[in-house]
């Protein structure tokens, strides 16, 4: 694995590193799901909230702000009454979502193995 550093020379294994901050935003409970949902194209806030089951409006709003700050998501406002706000992936966001799709596919391909592993673990820890 190639180790990248930020402007301060810090890499992913060091505290206060940009890499670590972005990694945390992307792999947070909701970040990865929001990126996967937006990979299909722009979505309005309430549709995105419904797509990512279980996320509260507050957490979705916070997650979107972090991803926008990182340059992965773009917020567009259509001037109408009422204004229509939608969110979409930037070019960087699309690149990242494509890689996350591979992780999602790997998990999907290994569901039976994961279920067996969990079952074995649960039986051995009782």
Protein backbone atom coordinates (compact mmCIF):
# COMPACT_ATOMS: atom_id res chain seq x y z
CA UNK A 1 0.00 0.00 0.00
CA UNK A 2 1.33 3.41 -0.93
CA UNK A 3 1.46 5.81 1.99
CA UNK A 4 0.53 9.38 1.16
CA UNK A 5 1.21 12.39 3.33
CA UNK A 6 -0.56 15.70 3.66
CA UNK A 7 1.11 19.12 3.47
CA UNK A 8 2.35 18.81 7.03
CA UNK A 9 4.09 15.55 6.13
CA UNK A 10 1.69 13.46 8.21
CA UNK A 11 0.46 10.11 6.93
CA UNK A 12 -2.59 7.99 7.71
CA UNK A 13 -1.10 6.40 10.82
CA UNK A 14 -0.45 9.76 12.45
CA UNK A 15 -2.93 11.87 14.40
CA UNK A 16 -4.31 15.09 12.93
CA UNK A 17 -3.76 13.93 9.36
CA UNK A 18 -6.06 14.98 6.52
CA UNK A 19 -6.02 11.40 5.20
CA UNK A 20 -7.38 10.14 8.51
CA UNK A 21 -10.08 12.83 8.66
CA UNK A 22 -11.37 12.07 5.16
CA UNK A 23 -11.15 8.31 5.78
CA UNK A 24 -13.27 8.79 8.90
CA UNK A 25 -15.88 10.83 6.99
CA UNK A 26 -16.07 8.32 4.14
CA UNK A 27 -16.19 5.19 6.31
CA UNK A 28 -18.45 6.59 9.00
CA UNK A 29 -21.74 4.85 9.70
CA UNK A 30 -23.55 7.03 7.16
CA UNK A 31 -20.79 8.34 4.88
CA UNK A 32 -20.27 5.18 2.86
CA UNK A 33 -24.02 4.65 2.48
CA UNK A 34 -24.60 8.23 1.31
CA UNK A 35 -21.82 7.90 -1.27
CA UNK A 36 -23.25 4.60 -2.54
CA UNK A 37 -26.75 6.12 -2.75
CA UNK A 38 -25.51 9.15 -4.68
CA UNK A 39 -23.54 6.97 -7.12
CA UNK A 40 -26.80 6.49 -9.02
CA UNK A 41 -27.18 10.21 -9.65
CA UNK A 42 -28.36 13.39 -7.94
CA UNK A 43 -30.97 13.07 -5.19
CA UNK A 44 -33.07 15.55 -3.28
CA UNK A 45 -32.52 15.55 0.47
CA UNK A 46 -35.75 13.77 1.44
CA UNK A 47 -35.26 11.09 -1.22
CA UNK A 48 -31.69 10.53 -0.06
CA UNK A 49 -32.96 10.28 3.53
CA UNK A 50 -35.48 7.64 2.45
CA UNK A 51 -32.86 5.74 0.42
CA UNK A 52 -30.46 5.48 3.37
CA UNK A 53 -32.82 3.80 5.81
CA UNK A 54 -32.30 4.64 9.46
CA UNK A 55 -30.43 7.92 9.03
CA UNK A 56 -31.94 10.90 10.82
CA UNK A 57 -32.23 14.25 9.07
CA UNK A 58 -29.66 15.68 11.49
CA UNK A 59 -27.10 12.93 10.79
CA UNK A 60 -27.71 13.09 7.05
CA UNK A 61 -27.21 16.85 7.08
CA UNK A 62 -23.99 16.54 9.09
CA UNK A 63 -22.68 13.75 6.85
CA UNK A 64 -23.44 15.72 3.68
CA UNK A 65 -21.65 18.79 5.06
CA UNK A 66 -18.52 16.76 5.84
CA UNK A 67 -18.54 15.13 2.40
CA UNK A 68 -19.10 18.51 0.72
CA UNK A 69 -16.19 20.00 2.68
CA UNK A 70 -14.00 17.12 1.47
CA UNK A 71 -15.00 17.85 -2.13
CA UNK A 72 -16.88 14.58 -2.64
CA UNK A 73 -20.46 15.88 -2.78
CA UNK A 74 -21.94 18.95 -4.44
CA UNK A 75 -25.10 20.73 -3.27
CA UNK A 76 -27.21 22.33 -5.99
CA UNK A 77 -30.07 24.76 -5.39
CA UNK A 78 -32.68 25.27 -8.08
CA UNK A 79 -34.29 28.68 -7.81
CA UNK A 80 -37.96 27.88 -7.56
CA UNK A 81 -40.66 28.29 -4.97
CA UNK A 82 -39.91 26.47 -2.78
CA UNK A 83 -36.23 26.07 -3.69
CA UNK A 84 -35.23 22.54 -4.76
CA UNK A 85 -32.00 21.31 -3.22
CA UNK A 86 -30.24 18.24 -4.54
CA UNK A 87 -26.97 16.51 -3.82
CA UNK A 88 -24.66 14.76 -6.25
CA UNK A 89 -21.18 13.31 -6.37
CA UNK A 90 -18.30 15.39 -7.69
CA UNK A 91 -15.75 13.81 -10.02
CA UNK A 92 -13.70 12.82 -6.96
CA UNK A 93 -16.84 11.47 -5.31
CA UNK A 94 -17.58 9.31 -8.36
CA UNK A 95 -14.04 7.94 -8.30
CA UNK A 96 -14.37 7.06 -4.65
CA UNK A 97 -17.87 5.60 -5.05
CA UNK A 98 -16.56 3.29 -7.78
CA UNK A 99 -14.00 1.91 -5.36
CA UNK A 100 -16.59 1.60 -2.58
CA UNK A 101 -18.78 -0.34 -4.99
CA UNK A 102 -16.03 -2.96 -5.08
CA UNK A 103 -16.12 -3.24 -1.28
CA UNK A 104 -19.91 -3.48 -1.36
CA UNK A 105 -19.75 -6.19 -4.04
CA UNK A 106 -17.15 -8.14 -2.05
CA UNK A 107 -19.42 -8.11 1.02
CA UNK A 108 -22.38 -9.20 -1.13
CA UNK A 109 -20.35 -12.01 -2.68
CA UNK A 110 -19.34 -13.29 0.76
CA UNK A 111 -22.69 -13.11 2.60
CA UNK A 112 -22.87 -16.91 3.15
CA UNK A 113 -19.27 -16.98 4.44
CA UNK A 114 -19.91 -14.01 6.72
CA UNK A 115 -23.09 -15.61 8.08
CA UNK A 116 -21.23 -18.87 8.81
CA UNK A 117 -18.38 -16.99 10.51
CA UNK A 118 -20.82 -15.08 12.71
CA UNK A 119 -22.70 -18.23 13.58
CA UNK A 120 -19.47 -20.05 14.54
CA UNK A 121 -18.34 -17.10 16.63
CA UNK A 122 -21.71 -16.73 18.38
CA UNK A 123 -21.84 -20.46 19.19
CA UNK A 124 -18.29 -20.47 20.56
CA UNK A 125 -18.80 -17.42 22.77
CA UNK A 126 -21.88 -18.66 24.60
